[in-house]
Protein backbone atom coordinates (compact mmCIF):
# COMPACT_ATOMS: atom_id res chain seq x y z
CA MET A 1 43.36 51.71 -22.13
CA LEU A 2 41.92 54.59 -24.11
CA ASN A 3 39.97 54.59 -27.34
CA ARG A 4 42.10 56.05 -30.15
CA ASP A 5 39.61 58.79 -31.13
CA TYR A 6 38.91 59.83 -27.53
CA ALA A 7 42.64 60.01 -26.72
CA LYS A 8 43.32 62.11 -29.84
CA ARG A 9 40.45 64.44 -28.95
CA LEU A 10 41.83 65.03 -25.43
CA TYR A 11 45.36 65.50 -26.76
CA ASP A 12 44.14 68.05 -29.33
CA ILE A 13 42.13 70.03 -26.76
CA GLY A 14 45.23 70.24 -24.55
CA ALA A 15 47.36 71.29 -27.54
CA LYS A 16 44.86 74.02 -28.48
CA HIS A 17 45.43 75.66 -25.08
CA ARG A 18 49.24 75.54 -24.82
CA ASP A 19 49.23 79.19 -23.79
CA ALA A 20 47.67 78.27 -20.43
CA GLU A 21 50.20 79.09 -17.69
CA THR A 22 49.27 76.22 -15.35
CA PHE A 23 47.46 72.90 -15.57
CA GLU A 24 44.76 74.33 -13.28
CA GLU A 25 44.20 77.22 -15.72
CA LEU A 26 44.03 74.70 -18.56
CA MET A 27 41.41 72.67 -16.70
CA ASP A 28 39.35 75.79 -15.92
CA ARG A 29 39.35 76.79 -19.59
CA THR A 30 38.43 73.39 -20.98
CA ILE A 31 36.09 71.78 -18.42
CA ASP A 32 33.09 72.30 -20.74
CA GLU A 33 34.90 70.46 -23.55
CA THR A 34 36.43 67.66 -21.52
CA GLY A 35 34.20 67.08 -18.52
CA TYR A 36 35.66 65.13 -15.62
CA LEU A 37 39.01 63.51 -16.45
CA ASP A 38 40.34 60.48 -14.59
CA THR A 39 44.10 60.01 -14.22
CA GLU A 40 44.66 58.20 -17.52
CA ASP A 41 42.60 60.83 -19.40
CA SER A 42 44.43 63.72 -17.76
CA ILE A 43 47.85 62.25 -18.68
CA ILE A 44 47.11 62.31 -22.44
CA PHE A 45 45.40 65.71 -22.07
CA ARG A 46 48.45 67.12 -20.27
CA ALA A 47 50.75 65.62 -22.95
CA GLY A 48 48.89 67.60 -25.61
CA TRP A 49 49.18 70.77 -23.53
CA LYS A 50 52.92 70.32 -22.92
CA GLY A 51 53.62 69.49 -26.57
CA GLN A 52 56.78 67.48 -25.88
CA PHE A 53 55.63 64.49 -27.94
CA ALA A 54 53.55 64.16 -31.09
CA PHE A 55 50.37 62.09 -30.96
CA GLU A 56 52.00 59.08 -32.59
CA ILE A 57 50.60 55.62 -31.95
CA LYS A 58 53.26 52.93 -32.09
CA GLU A 59 54.07 49.54 -30.60
CA TRP A 60 55.79 49.47 -27.20
CA GLU A 61 57.23 46.76 -24.95
CA ARG A 62 56.90 46.41 -21.22
CA TYR A 63 58.30 43.88 -18.76
CA GLY A 64 55.21 42.41 -17.08
CA THR A 65 51.52 43.05 -17.61
CA LEU A 66 49.89 46.42 -18.15
CA PRO A 67 48.68 48.06 -14.94
CA GLU A 68 44.87 48.04 -14.79
CA CYS A 69 44.80 51.70 -13.75
CA GLY A 70 46.58 52.78 -16.96
CA PHE A 71 49.72 54.23 -15.36
CA SER A 72 52.80 53.11 -13.44
CA ARG A 73 54.01 54.19 -10.02
CA ASN A 74 57.47 55.15 -8.91
CA TYR A 75 57.94 52.62 -6.12
CA ALA A 76 60.71 54.65 -4.48
CA ASP A 77 58.35 57.49 -3.52
CA GLY A 78 54.86 56.29 -4.52
CA SER A 79 54.29 59.03 -7.11
CA ILE A 80 52.32 58.45 -10.30
CA GLU A 81 54.31 58.22 -13.53
CA ALA A 82 53.14 60.05 -16.68
CA GLY A 83 51.72 56.83 -18.12
CA ILE A 84 52.87 53.21 -18.28
CA SER A 85 56.61 52.59 -17.99
CA VAL A 86 57.98 50.86 -21.07
CA ALA A 87 61.33 49.61 -22.35
CA ASP A 88 62.78 51.24 -25.46
CA THR A 89 66.13 50.42 -27.06
CA GLU A 90 68.07 52.97 -24.99
CA TRP A 91 66.47 51.97 -21.70
CA LYS A 92 67.19 48.28 -22.37
CA LYS A 93 70.92 49.20 -22.54
CA SER A 94 70.82 50.88 -19.11
CA LEU A 95 71.62 49.09 -15.86
CA ARG A 96 67.91 49.06 -14.87
CA GLY A 97 67.04 47.66 -18.28
CA LYS A 98 69.62 44.89 -17.98
CA ILE A 99 68.36 44.00 -14.50
CA SER A 100 64.74 43.93 -15.73
CA LYS A 101 65.70 41.62 -18.58
CA CYS A 102 66.90 39.07 -16.00
CA THR A 103 63.51 38.85 -14.27
CA SER A 104 60.94 36.21 -15.07
CA ARG A 105 58.37 38.77 -16.18
CA LYS A 106 57.16 38.25 -19.73
CA ILE A 107 57.31 41.02 -22.31
CA THR A 108 53.95 42.59 -23.14
CA ARG A 109 53.59 44.39 -26.46
CA PHE A 110 50.87 47.00 -26.96
CA LEU A 111 50.00 50.19 -28.84
CA GLY A 112 50.42 53.54 -27.15
CA VAL A 113 51.35 57.23 -27.33
CA GLN A 114 54.40 58.55 -25.48
CA THR A 115 53.42 61.03 -22.78
CA GLY A 116 56.60 61.54 -20.78
CA TRP A 117 59.60 60.04 -19.05
CA GLY A 118 59.61 57.89 -15.93
CA SER A 119 61.75 58.21 -12.85
CA ASP A 120 64.28 55.71 -14.28
CA ASP A 121 64.52 57.66 -17.56
CA GLU A 122 62.29 55.18 -19.33
CA PRO A 123 59.55 56.34 -21.71
CA THR A 124 56.02 56.45 -20.34
CA VAL A 125 52.99 55.94 -22.60
CA ILE A 126 49.23 55.78 -22.52
CA ALA A 127 47.90 52.51 -23.96
CA ILE A 128 45.57 52.85 -26.95
CA GLU A 129 42.97 50.26 -27.96
CA GLU A 130 43.65 48.52 -31.26
């Protein structure tokens, strides 16, 4: 879970360099500003660079607990998702959403910023400390 100010800073640095052609170029340009980024940090940084979503903190719902690492995995192929998979209104209407609703996992509510889309077309977010 990232501190609100730190997450916004990383997002803004990424956004400032949207003209970078590749993520590697972006990292080369900004290493002095960002230092070493772990996976959770790099997800919010990349979201700023891509510019698909505004830095908007809002409440999200997830079936089950938040992953300690700060991101979900696609269990079909083992790849890392662009944040934590969450359930929005549209996803809850999907077949996967209806199946998830039938599980015994509790709903966890938390604050976060959308950073992408998961492999099941669900939103992915980075959790932000309250």
